[in-house]
Structure formats: C-alpha cells, structure tokens
Amino acid sequence: MEKREEHSSVQAKEDLLHKMVMHIHEQPYRIVLAITGGGAGAIEQLLKYGGGSATVLEATVPYSSKALDDLIGRKPEKYASPITVRSMAMAAYRRALSLTEDDDLVRNKDVMGVAASCKLSAGSDEREGREHEIYVAIQSFDKTLVRTLRLGEARTRQEEEHIATCMIIDSIPKECGWDGEMHLDRLLGKDECIEERKATVSKEIAQMLVRPDSIMKRTDLRPDVVRLNLKGKGVDDKPEIIFSGSFNPCHRNHIVMAEQAFQKLGKKVHFEISITNVDKPPIDFISLQERLDSLKEYRDRDFLGNIYLTVAPLFIQKAKLFENVTFIIGADTANRLFKTRYYRNEDDMRNMLAEFREKNIHFLVFRRKDVELNIEPEICDLCEIVSMEDYEDNGISSSAIRKEMDIE
C-alpha cells in the first residue's frame, strides 16, 4: 500500500513536470540555457518529451571556473551569486539573439537567456557551515529576473540536484504565462522560500541591446544613446562636460570630481554609462537600476545634468556621440587611454587622437591616490590636469565599496 502511494506521488510529480515542459514548448519562446552543473537536469527535462527543438536554441554547461570566466568575460568574486548568474543570463540572452533569425521573435520579446549557478552538497568533502544555495536568472528583452533559494533542510546531493532542476523548470513557464501549481511547492520545507528580484527597462533602452556584436563593436558607426533626466525638469541637451564611467556604485570621489569640474568650467556635468562592455556581456537591468539609483541620490545638486545610456564602451565611440565636450577621467583611465600598448598599433592611437582633435574633444584629468600619471607631451593640448592639491582623492573605489557590502 505504502509503495503504491509513493509510486503515485512520484508519478504525480513527473506528470506536473511534463505538463509544465509542454506548456513551455507551446509558447513562441526561444531559449539559450547556461547552467554551471547543479540543475543541469533541466536541459534533459526540456528535451526528453519531444518538441524541445521548438524552444531550445542551445544549452551549455560551463562547469569549470575557466569556462564560466570565458562566458561572462571576467573572473567573478563568487561563482555562485545573484550577480554572477545575472551575467550568465545576459550572456545567454545575447547568444540567443545571435542564433535567432526571426526578427518578429525579438520584437515580441520571445527570446530569453536562462542561467543557473548553485552551491550544493559536496558530500564527505563538505566544509562545516557551508550554505547550500541555488540561483536562477532569466534575461529577456526588457527584464532581468533573479531567483534565490537557500536550502535549510538536510538532503542528499541527488535531492538537491532535483530541486535545482525543478527551480529552473518552474522559472521558465512562470515567464511564459503559467498560472498553475509550481513543482517546487511540493519539495520545499516550511522555512524555505524563494526570494525574487527583477528590474525592467523602457523599450528604448532594451532595443539598444538587440543589435549584433558585429555592429555594436564597430567604431565607425554612431552608437545608440538614450537620455535620462533625473531632475524632472528641462536640462540643456547640448552637454559640454561628460563624466563617463560604470558608477557601480557612484561614490564620494565621483561626486567631488564632478563638483570640481562644475566649478572650474561653469557647466553642468552629464554622466554617461555604457551598458555594453568591450569584452564582457552587457550590464543586466538590475545592475543598471542600482547604478542609476546611486546617481539619483544627487539629483538636487547643482552640478548634475542628464544621464546618458549608450552602447559606447570606447572613447573613440563616445566621441561620435558627444562633440565639443570635455570628458572627466581619472589618472588610471588617462594612462590606459593614451598608451600605445592598449591598441593594436600606433596608427590606431594616432587615428583616435586625430578624431579627438577633429571633434574638439578634451579631457579633464584628475590625479588619483597611488596612481602615477604619465601624459606624453604630444597630447598635452587635449588634457588639463587637476592636481592633488585641488582634488583630494581619499583612495576609495567602487570595487572596495562592493567588497565591503559583500557584493561583486
């Protein structure tokens, strides 16, 4: 009798999983999955019932740390974390776009990147006090979603793998209009719950990421740009001072530099964030919202102009968007920008400098604590140096702030 009831319970769970997978396949979504190992059973589930070719464009398992580094273009501080899995989902989304030939799917928001990264039971090698966590992220046209589950009950590795698989499968139909029972409802303990966080952006911003890399990385084309006004009132749309950076987050030194530029040049400072990177996936929308929030704290300050979101990670691309401007940069950025070794050859750098002069681009360079500034004589006409006497750099950095806050 007990065996029959157990079999019935297992069959009911399998039937629910089957029903959810078939619901996914009935939708127009096209998906690329990136799963670091734990939860890789979700790939099998999406393919085992038939119809998977209508949904799955590609599935990858970046199991080694090097494979994951290559996927997200950097070595993360934590391989299992909300930030890492969001970067994975963005990389998967960009890959899905490159594999999708139907423009209608993109316009209808039917392309998704799905990612999962886990810390599951290590068996006899388990470190005492090590937490078991599952992170799942979905990146779509205008939304970033991340779900976090911290497992509190003692389970085997196989049981935790099954939960990770079900959490991934549950997350996809939820984005596809599923309003029925979730498989995880039957598996979690009473003190275990999924934390969910999401951020959405306007169509105008989302559309910036739809272009293929082959177009976005070209330096001879004018990049896309979106202007944001944080003050709620008109601000001059012809910027003369631009402060470009990641602002992850914006901190005290950024603000002191902006205020000094405002006082020195008598013009409002407009901030620019490139949502694309040279060799990493674009910024996910949760991270973008955090960066904008850190800037919004200063919306009432006199120095603040507009915020510009671009797909221009290189200054040669920024120069095509902003002519007749002065860029605020730190000494470390200046050293990279004006050194030949950062370019393919000397001609590349000469061409860039020629374009700066043609576009009337200048740089207000702030010295940084513990950074030796090296400006060659031939570019002195492009740069004005702000001395340490005029600008007190206290050595703080965005990365140090993130580390102190225990985020990447």
Protein backbone atom coordinates (compact mmCIF):
# COMPACT_ATOMS: atom_id res chain seq x y z
CA MET A 1 0.00 0.00 0.00
CA GLU A 2 2.78 2.44 1.00
CA LYS A 3 4.76 1.57 -2.13
CA ARG A 4 1.69 2.19 -4.27
CA GLU A 5 1.15 5.62 -2.64
CA GLU A 6 4.83 6.51 -3.05
CA HIS A 7 4.70 5.50 -6.71
CA SER A 8 1.54 7.56 -7.16
CA SER A 9 3.23 10.60 -5.60
CA VAL A 10 6.30 10.24 -7.83
CA GLN A 11 4.08 9.84 -10.89
CA ALA A 12 2.11 12.96 -9.96
CA LYS A 13 5.32 14.98 -9.73
CA GLU A 14 6.52 13.62 -13.06
CA ASP A 15 3.17 14.43 -14.66
CA LEU A 16 3.33 18.02 -13.37
CA LEU A 17 6.87 18.44 -14.68
CA HIS A 18 5.80 17.04 -18.05
CA LYS A 19 2.83 19.40 -18.18
CA MET A 20 4.99 22.43 -17.39
CA VAL A 21 7.60 21.49 -20.01
CA MET A 22 4.93 21.03 -22.68
CA HIS A 23 3.47 24.43 -21.73
CA ILE A 24 6.90 25.95 -22.39
CA HIS A 25 7.12 24.25 -25.79
CA GLU A 26 3.66 25.54 -26.75
CA GLN A 27 4.84 29.14 -26.34
CA PRO A 28 6.80 31.04 -29.01
CA TYR A 29 9.84 31.49 -26.75
CA ARG A 30 13.35 30.66 -27.92
CA ILE A 31 15.84 29.96 -25.16
CA VAL A 32 19.58 29.58 -24.59
CA LEU A 33 20.49 27.94 -21.28
CA ALA A 34 23.76 28.26 -19.33
CA ILE A 35 23.91 26.02 -16.24
CA THR A 36 27.12 25.57 -14.26
CA GLY A 37 26.41 21.99 -13.21
CA GLY A 38 23.82 21.86 -10.46
CA GLY A 39 20.40 21.74 -12.08
CA ALA A 40 21.75 20.55 -15.44
CA GLY A 41 18.90 18.02 -15.36
CA ALA A 42 16.70 20.90 -16.59
CA ILE A 43 18.29 20.51 -20.01
CA GLU A 44 17.24 16.86 -20.12
CA GLN A 45 13.72 17.73 -18.99
CA LEU A 46 13.31 20.28 -21.77
CA LEU A 47 14.38 17.73 -24.38
CA LYS A 48 13.05 14.39 -23.15
CA TYR A 49 9.36 14.78 -24.07
CA GLY A 50 9.79 15.91 -27.65
CA GLY A 51 9.20 19.39 -29.01
CA GLY A 52 12.39 20.76 -27.46
CA SER A 53 13.74 21.94 -30.79
CA ALA A 54 10.91 24.48 -30.92
CA THR A 55 12.19 26.07 -27.70
CA VAL A 56 15.86 25.34 -27.01
CA LEU A 57 18.33 27.11 -29.26
CA GLU A 58 21.37 26.00 -27.29
CA ALA A 59 22.31 24.64 -23.88
CA THR A 60 25.77 24.92 -22.35
CA VAL A 61 27.31 23.70 -19.09
CA PRO A 62 30.27 25.96 -18.16
CA TYR A 63 31.32 23.53 -15.41
CA SER A 64 34.93 24.60 -14.89
CA SER A 65 35.80 28.01 -13.48
CA LYS A 66 37.66 28.84 -16.72
CA ALA A 67 34.58 28.02 -18.79
CA LEU A 68 32.45 30.33 -16.65
CA ASP A 69 35.11 33.07 -16.77
CA ASP A 70 35.03 32.87 -20.57
CA LEU A 71 31.23 33.01 -20.65
CA ILE A 72 30.94 36.21 -18.61
CA GLY A 73 34.26 37.75 -19.64
CA ARG A 74 35.73 38.03 -16.17
CA LYS A 75 36.67 36.11 -13.04
CA PRO A 76 33.83 36.69 -10.56
CA GLU A 77 34.48 37.11 -6.87
CA LYS A 78 31.81 34.46 -6.24
CA TYR A 79 30.94 31.78 -8.78
CA ALA A 80 27.53 31.17 -7.22
CA SER A 81 25.83 34.51 -6.60
CA PRO A 82 22.95 36.62 -7.91
CA ILE A 83 25.33 38.91 -9.79
CA THR A 84 27.21 36.06 -11.49
CA VAL A 85 24.04 34.27 -12.56
CA ARG A 86 22.62 37.52 -13.95
CA SER A 87 25.76 37.97 -16.04
CA MET A 88 25.37 34.39 -17.25
CA ALA A 89 21.76 35.04 -18.23
CA MET A 90 22.74 38.19 -20.12
CA ALA A 91 25.46 36.26 -21.98
CA ALA A 92 22.88 33.55 -22.79
CA TYR A 93 20.40 36.19 -23.98
CA ARG A 94 22.97 37.77 -26.28
CA ARG A 95 23.80 34.30 -27.61
CA ALA A 96 20.10 33.62 -28.20
CA LEU A 97 19.82 36.85 -30.19
CA SER A 98 22.73 35.77 -32.36
CA LEU A 99 21.03 32.42 -33.06
CA THR A 100 17.60 33.88 -33.79
CA GLU A 101 16.84 34.64 -37.41
CA ASP A 102 13.21 35.66 -36.86
CA ASP A 103 13.12 39.40 -36.09
CA ASP A 104 9.48 39.11 -35.01
CA LEU A 105 10.55 36.93 -32.07
CA VAL A 106 12.88 39.68 -30.89
CA ARG A 107 10.28 42.41 -31.35
CA ASN A 108 7.71 40.31 -29.46
CA LYS A 109 10.12 39.74 -26.54
CA ASP A 110 10.17 35.98 -27.18
CA VAL A 111 13.93 35.47 -26.79
CA MET A 112 15.34 34.55 -23.37
CA GLY A 113 18.63 33.69 -21.71
CA VAL A 114 18.22 31.28 -18.78
CA ALA A 115 21.05 30.66 -16.32
CA ALA A 116 21.63 28.78 -13.07
CA SER A 117 24.51 28.57 -10.63
CA CYS A 118 24.43 26.55 -7.41
CA LYS A 119 26.26 25.61 -4.24
CA LEU A 120 25.01 22.11 -3.46
CA SER A 121 26.06 19.33 -1.11
CA ALA A 122 29.70 18.29 -1.53
CA GLY A 123 29.18 15.02 0.34
CA SER A 124 32.09 13.91 2.55
CA ASP A 125 34.16 16.94 1.44
CA GLU A 126 31.57 19.37 2.80
CA ARG A 127 33.01 22.31 4.74
CA GLU A 128 31.26 22.86 8.06
CA GLY A 129 28.77 25.72 7.93
CA ARG A 130 28.77 25.93 4.14
CA GLU A 131 25.43 27.19 2.86
CA HIS A 132 23.60 25.44 0.03
CA GLU A 133 22.17 27.94 -2.47
CA ILE A 134 20.50 27.92 -5.88
CA TYR A 135 20.44 30.96 -8.14
CA VAL A 136 18.37 31.15 -11.33
CA ALA A 137 18.23 34.17 -13.63
CA ILE A 138 16.28 34.97 -16.77
CA GLN A 139 17.20 37.78 -19.13
CA SER A 140 14.65 38.82 -21.73
CA PHE A 141 14.11 41.84 -23.98
CA ASP A 142 13.23 44.35 -21.25
CA LYS A 143 13.53 42.44 -17.97
CA THR A 144 16.14 40.87 -15.71
CA LEU A 145 14.83 38.38 -13.15
CA VAL A 146 16.83 36.55 -10.48
CA ARG A 147 15.52 33.96 -8.02
CA THR A 148 17.43 32.84 -4.93
CA LEU A 149 16.81 29.75 -2.79
CA ARG A 150 18.77 28.93 0.35
CA LEU A 151 18.28 25.31 1.32
CA GLY A 152 17.82 24.80 5.04
CA GLU A 153 16.99 21.13 5.36
CA ALA A 154 19.47 18.25 5.22
CA ARG A 155 19.26 16.49 1.87
CA THR A 156 21.39 14.29 -0.34
CA ARG A 157 23.22 15.70 -3.34
CA GLN A 158 20.72 13.95 -5.62
CA GLU A 159 17.78 15.54 -3.82
CA GLU A 160 19.34 19.00 -4.07
CA GLU A 161 20.08 18.43 -7.78
CA HIS A 162 16.41 17.60 -8.30
CA ILE A 163 15.34 20.79 -6.52
CA ALA A 164 17.73 22.85 -8.65
CA THR A 165 16.35 21.21 -11.80
CA CYS A 166 12.78 21.92 -10.75
CA MET A 167 13.59 25.52 -9.80
CA ILE A 168 14.91 26.15 -13.32
CA ILE A 169 11.93 24.47 -14.96
CA ASP A 170 9.49 26.32 -12.66
CA SER A 171 11.09 29.67 -13.52
CA ILE A 172 10.64 29.37 -17.29
CA PRO A 173 6.87 28.73 -17.52
CA LYS A 174 6.31 31.42 -14.93
CA GLU A 175 7.70 33.84 -17.54
CA CYS A 176 5.53 32.15 -20.19
CA GLY A 177 2.17 32.82 -18.55
CA TRP A 178 1.88 29.66 -16.42
CA ASP A 179 -0.53 30.22 -13.53
CA GLY A 180 -0.86 26.66 -12.26
CA GLU A 181 0.90 24.82 -9.44
CA MET A 182 4.68 25.13 -9.26
CA HIS A 183 6.69 21.93 -8.90
CA LEU A 184 8.80 23.36 -6.08
CA ASP A 185 5.69 23.83 -3.94
CA ARG A 186 5.85 20.09 -3.23
CA LEU A 187 9.58 19.97 -2.46
CA LEU A 188 10.49 22.81 -0.10
CA GLY A 189 10.38 22.83 3.68
CA LYS A 190 8.18 25.25 5.57
CA ASP A 191 11.11 27.62 6.29
CA GLU A 192 12.45 27.53 2.75
CA CYS A 193 11.26 30.17 0.31
CA ILE A 194 12.39 31.66 -2.95
CA GLU A 195 13.47 35.31 -2.99
CA GLU A 196 12.77 37.06 -6.27
CA ARG A 197 14.09 40.30 -7.65
CA LYS A 198 13.53 41.89 -11.02
CA ALA A 199 14.03 45.10 -12.96
CA THR A 200 12.51 46.29 -16.22
CA VAL A 201 13.59 48.99 -18.65
CA SER A 202 11.89 51.01 -21.33
CA LYS A 203 11.61 49.71 -24.88
CA GLU A 204 14.04 52.45 -25.92
CA ILE A 205 16.75 51.12 -23.61
CA ALA A 206 16.01 47.45 -24.30
CA GLN A 207 16.27 48.00 -28.04
CA MET A 208 19.88 49.11 -27.59
CA LEU A 209 20.95 45.54 -26.81
CA VAL A 210 19.27 43.89 -29.79
CA ARG A 211 21.98 44.83 -32.27
CA PRO A 212 24.53 42.09 -33.00
CA ASP A 213 28.10 42.40 -31.68
CA SER A 214 29.40 42.83 -35.21
CA ILE A 215 27.51 46.13 -35.40
CA MET A 216 27.88 47.29 -31.79
CA LYS A 217 31.67 46.93 -31.78
CA ARG A 218 32.24 48.95 -34.94
CA THR A 219 33.97 52.23 -34.18
CA ASP A 220 32.99 53.88 -37.46
CA LEU A 221 29.27 53.95 -36.64
CA ARG A 222 27.41 56.33 -34.35
CA PRO A 223 26.33 54.30 -31.27
CA ASP A 224 22.81 54.33 -29.86
CA VAL A 225 22.12 56.66 -26.93
CA VAL A 226 19.22 57.25 -24.53
CA ARG A 227 18.96 60.41 -22.41
CA LEU A 228 17.53 60.27 -18.89
CA ASN A 229 16.54 63.36 -16.94
CA LEU A 230 16.68 62.73 -13.18
CA LYS A 231 15.71 66.26 -12.20
CA GLY A 232 12.19 66.20 -13.64
CA LYS A 233 12.77 69.48 -15.46
CA GLY A 234 14.48 70.60 -18.61
CA VAL A 235 18.27 70.31 -18.72
CA ASP A 236 20.41 71.56 -21.61
CA ASP A 237 20.66 68.75 -24.17
CA LYS A 238 23.98 70.01 -25.55
CA PRO A 239 26.39 68.71 -22.94
CA GLU A 240 29.80 70.31 -22.62
CA ILE A 241 31.11 68.17 -19.75
CA ILE A 242 30.71 64.37 -19.76
CA PHE A 243 31.66 62.07 -16.90
CA SER A 244 31.85 58.53 -18.31
CA GLY A 245 32.06 55.52 -16.01
CA SER A 246 30.42 52.39 -14.70
CA PHE A 247 29.39 54.08 -11.40
CA ASN A 248 29.00 50.70 -9.73
CA PRO A 249 28.18 52.43 -7.45
CA CYS A 250 28.66 56.18 -7.71
CA HIS A 251 30.67 57.30 -4.65
CA ARG A 252 32.22 60.28 -2.90
CA ASN A 253 35.21 60.68 -5.24
CA HIS A 254 32.98 60.70 -8.32
CA ILE A 255 30.93 63.50 -6.79
CA VAL A 256 33.94 65.57 -5.74
CA MET A 257 35.35 65.28 -9.28
CA ALA A 258 32.01 66.34 -10.78
CA GLU A 259 31.68 69.30 -8.42
CA GLN A 260 35.25 70.42 -9.17
CA ALA A 261 34.57 70.26 -12.92
CA PHE A 262 31.32 72.19 -12.48
CA GLN A 263 33.08 74.93 -10.51
CA LYS A 264 36.12 75.02 -12.80
CA LEU A 265 34.30 75.07 -16.17
CA GLY A 266 30.97 76.60 -15.14
CA LYS A 267 28.85 73.95 -16.89
CA LYS A 268 26.65 71.12 -15.64
CA VAL A 269 28.18 67.65 -15.58
CA HIS A 270 26.36 64.99 -17.58
CA PHE A 271 27.01 61.37 -16.61
CA GLU A 272 27.37 58.60 -19.22
CA ILE A 273 27.12 54.85 -18.66
CA SER A 274 27.79 52.40 -21.47
CA ILE A 275 25.51 49.40 -20.94
CA THR A 276 27.80 47.35 -23.17
CA ASN A 277 31.39 46.37 -22.41
CA VAL A 278 34.37 45.66 -24.63
CA ASP A 279 34.86 42.03 -23.63
CA LYS A 280 32.05 41.22 -21.18
CA PRO A 281 28.27 40.78 -21.51
CA PRO A 282 26.19 43.97 -21.26
CA ILE A 283 25.07 45.25 -17.87
CA ASP A 284 21.94 43.45 -16.69
CA PHE A 285 18.95 45.63 -15.83
CA ILE A 286 19.08 45.05 -12.06
CA SER A 287 22.69 46.24 -12.01
CA LEU A 288 21.77 49.18 -14.23
CA GLN A 289 18.96 50.18 -11.86
CA GLU A 290 21.37 50.04 -8.89
CA ARG A 291 23.83 52.32 -10.67
CA LEU A 292 21.13 54.80 -11.63
CA ASP A 293 19.81 54.77 -8.05
CA SER A 294 23.29 55.66 -6.76
CA LEU A 295 23.26 58.69 -9.09
CA LYS A 296 19.70 59.69 -8.21
CA GLU A 297 20.87 60.49 -4.68
CA TYR A 298 22.45 63.63 -6.14
CA ARG A 299 19.59 64.78 -8.35
CA ASP A 300 19.15 68.01 -6.37
CA ARG A 301 22.81 69.03 -6.67
CA ASP A 302 23.54 71.99 -8.93
CA PHE A 303 26.28 70.21 -10.86
CA LEU A 304 24.12 67.33 -12.11
CA GLY A 305 22.90 67.40 -15.71
CA ASN A 306 21.44 64.46 -17.63
CA ILE A 307 22.28 60.77 -17.57
CA TYR A 308 23.16 59.22 -20.93
CA LEU A 309 22.95 55.48 -21.50
CA THR A 310 24.98 54.36 -24.50
CA VAL A 311 26.45 51.33 -26.20
CA ALA A 312 29.80 53.10 -26.47
CA PRO A 313 32.37 51.47 -24.18
CA LEU A 314 35.32 53.02 -26.08
CA PHE A 315 36.18 56.72 -26.07
CA ILE A 316 36.51 56.64 -29.85
CA GLN A 317 32.81 55.66 -29.90
CA LYS A 318 31.86 58.26 -27.30
CA ALA A 319 33.49 60.94 -29.47
CA LYS A 320 30.94 60.16 -32.20
CA LEU A 321 28.11 60.91 -29.76
CA PHE A 322 29.48 63.94 -27.94
CA GLU A 323 31.36 66.59 -29.94
CA ASN A 324 32.85 69.75 -28.43
CA VAL A 325 32.91 68.29 -24.92
CA THR A 326 35.33 67.80 -22.06
CA PHE A 327 35.44 64.30 -20.59
CA ILE A 328 36.21 63.86 -16.90
CA ILE A 329 38.64 60.99 -16.34
CA GLY A 330 40.92 59.73 -13.59
CA ALA A 331 44.67 59.24 -13.90
CA ASP A 332 44.31 55.46 -14.27
CA THR A 333 41.94 55.90 -17.24
CA ALA A 334 44.24 58.50 -18.79
CA ASN A 335 47.19 56.13 -18.57
CA ARG A 336 45.25 53.46 -20.45
CA LEU A 337 43.70 55.84 -22.97
CA PHE A 338 46.94 57.43 -24.11
CA LYS A 339 49.32 54.45 -24.13
CA THR A 340 50.12 52.66 -27.40
CA ARG A 341 50.26 49.22 -25.77
CA TYR A 342 46.49 49.31 -25.27
CA TYR A 343 45.95 49.47 -29.04
CA ARG A 344 46.71 47.13 -31.92
CA ASN A 345 49.34 49.52 -33.24
CA GLU A 346 50.47 53.14 -33.15
CA ASP A 347 48.27 54.06 -36.12
CA ASP A 348 45.13 53.13 -34.14
CA MET A 349 46.08 55.54 -31.37
CA ARG A 350 47.09 58.30 -33.80
CA ASN A 351 43.76 57.97 -35.60
CA MET A 352 41.92 58.19 -32.29
CA LEU A 353 43.82 61.33 -31.27
CA ALA A 354 43.15 62.86 -34.67
CA GLU A 355 39.43 62.21 -34.22
CA PHE A 356 39.51 63.76 -30.75
CA ARG A 357 41.04 66.92 -32.21
CA GLU A 358 38.62 66.96 -35.13
CA LYS A 359 35.63 66.62 -32.77
CA ASN A 360 37.11 69.16 -30.31
CA ILE A 361 37.31 66.58 -27.51
CA HIS A 362 39.28 67.43 -24.37
CA PHE A 363 39.94 65.70 -21.08
CA LEU A 364 39.93 66.99 -17.51
CA VAL A 365 42.28 64.55 -15.79
CA PHE A 366 42.11 64.07 -12.02
CA ARG A 367 45.10 62.65 -10.25
CA ARG A 368 44.41 59.51 -8.22
CA LYS A 369 45.96 58.40 -4.96
CA ASP A 370 48.73 55.84 -5.56
CA VAL A 371 48.47 56.23 -9.37
CA GLU A 372 51.39 57.81 -11.24
CA LEU A 373 50.11 59.90 -14.13
CA ASN A 374 52.06 59.69 -17.39
CA ILE A 375 50.94 62.16 -20.07
CA GLU A 376 53.07 62.36 -23.21
CA PRO A 377 53.97 65.87 -24.49
CA GLU A 378 52.20 65.32 -27.84
CA ILE A 379 48.80 65.05 -26.16
CA CYS A 380 49.10 67.92 -23.70
CA ASP A 381 46.81 70.01 -25.89
CA LEU A 382 44.00 67.51 -25.20
CA CYS A 383 44.39 67.37 -21.42
CA GLU A 384 44.07 69.63 -18.42
CA ILE A 385 45.44 68.12 -15.22
CA VAL A 386 43.77 68.68 -11.85
CA SER A 387 46.40 68.44 -9.14
CA MET A 388 46.05 66.60 -5.84
CA GLU A 389 46.08 70.00 -4.13
CA ASP A 390 42.84 70.91 -5.91
CA TYR A 391 41.28 67.45 -5.66
CA GLU A 392 41.68 65.26 -2.59
CA ASP A 393 41.34 61.61 -3.60
CA ASN A 394 40.74 59.53 -0.48
CA GLY A 395 41.57 56.26 -2.27
CA ILE A 396 38.05 54.85 -2.19
CA SER A 397 36.86 52.84 -5.21
CA SER A 398 33.62 51.25 -6.37
CA SER A 399 35.16 47.79 -6.12
CA ALA A 400 36.19 48.41 -2.50
CA ILE A 401 32.65 49.57 -1.69
CA ARG A 402 31.17 46.43 -3.29
CA LYS A 403 33.57 44.24 -1.35
CA GLU A 404 32.64 45.97 1.92
CA MET A 405 28.94 45.46 1.11
CA ASP A 406 29.69 41.80 0.22
CA ILE A 407 28.56 42.22 -3.37
CA GLU A 408 30.58 41.87 -6.56
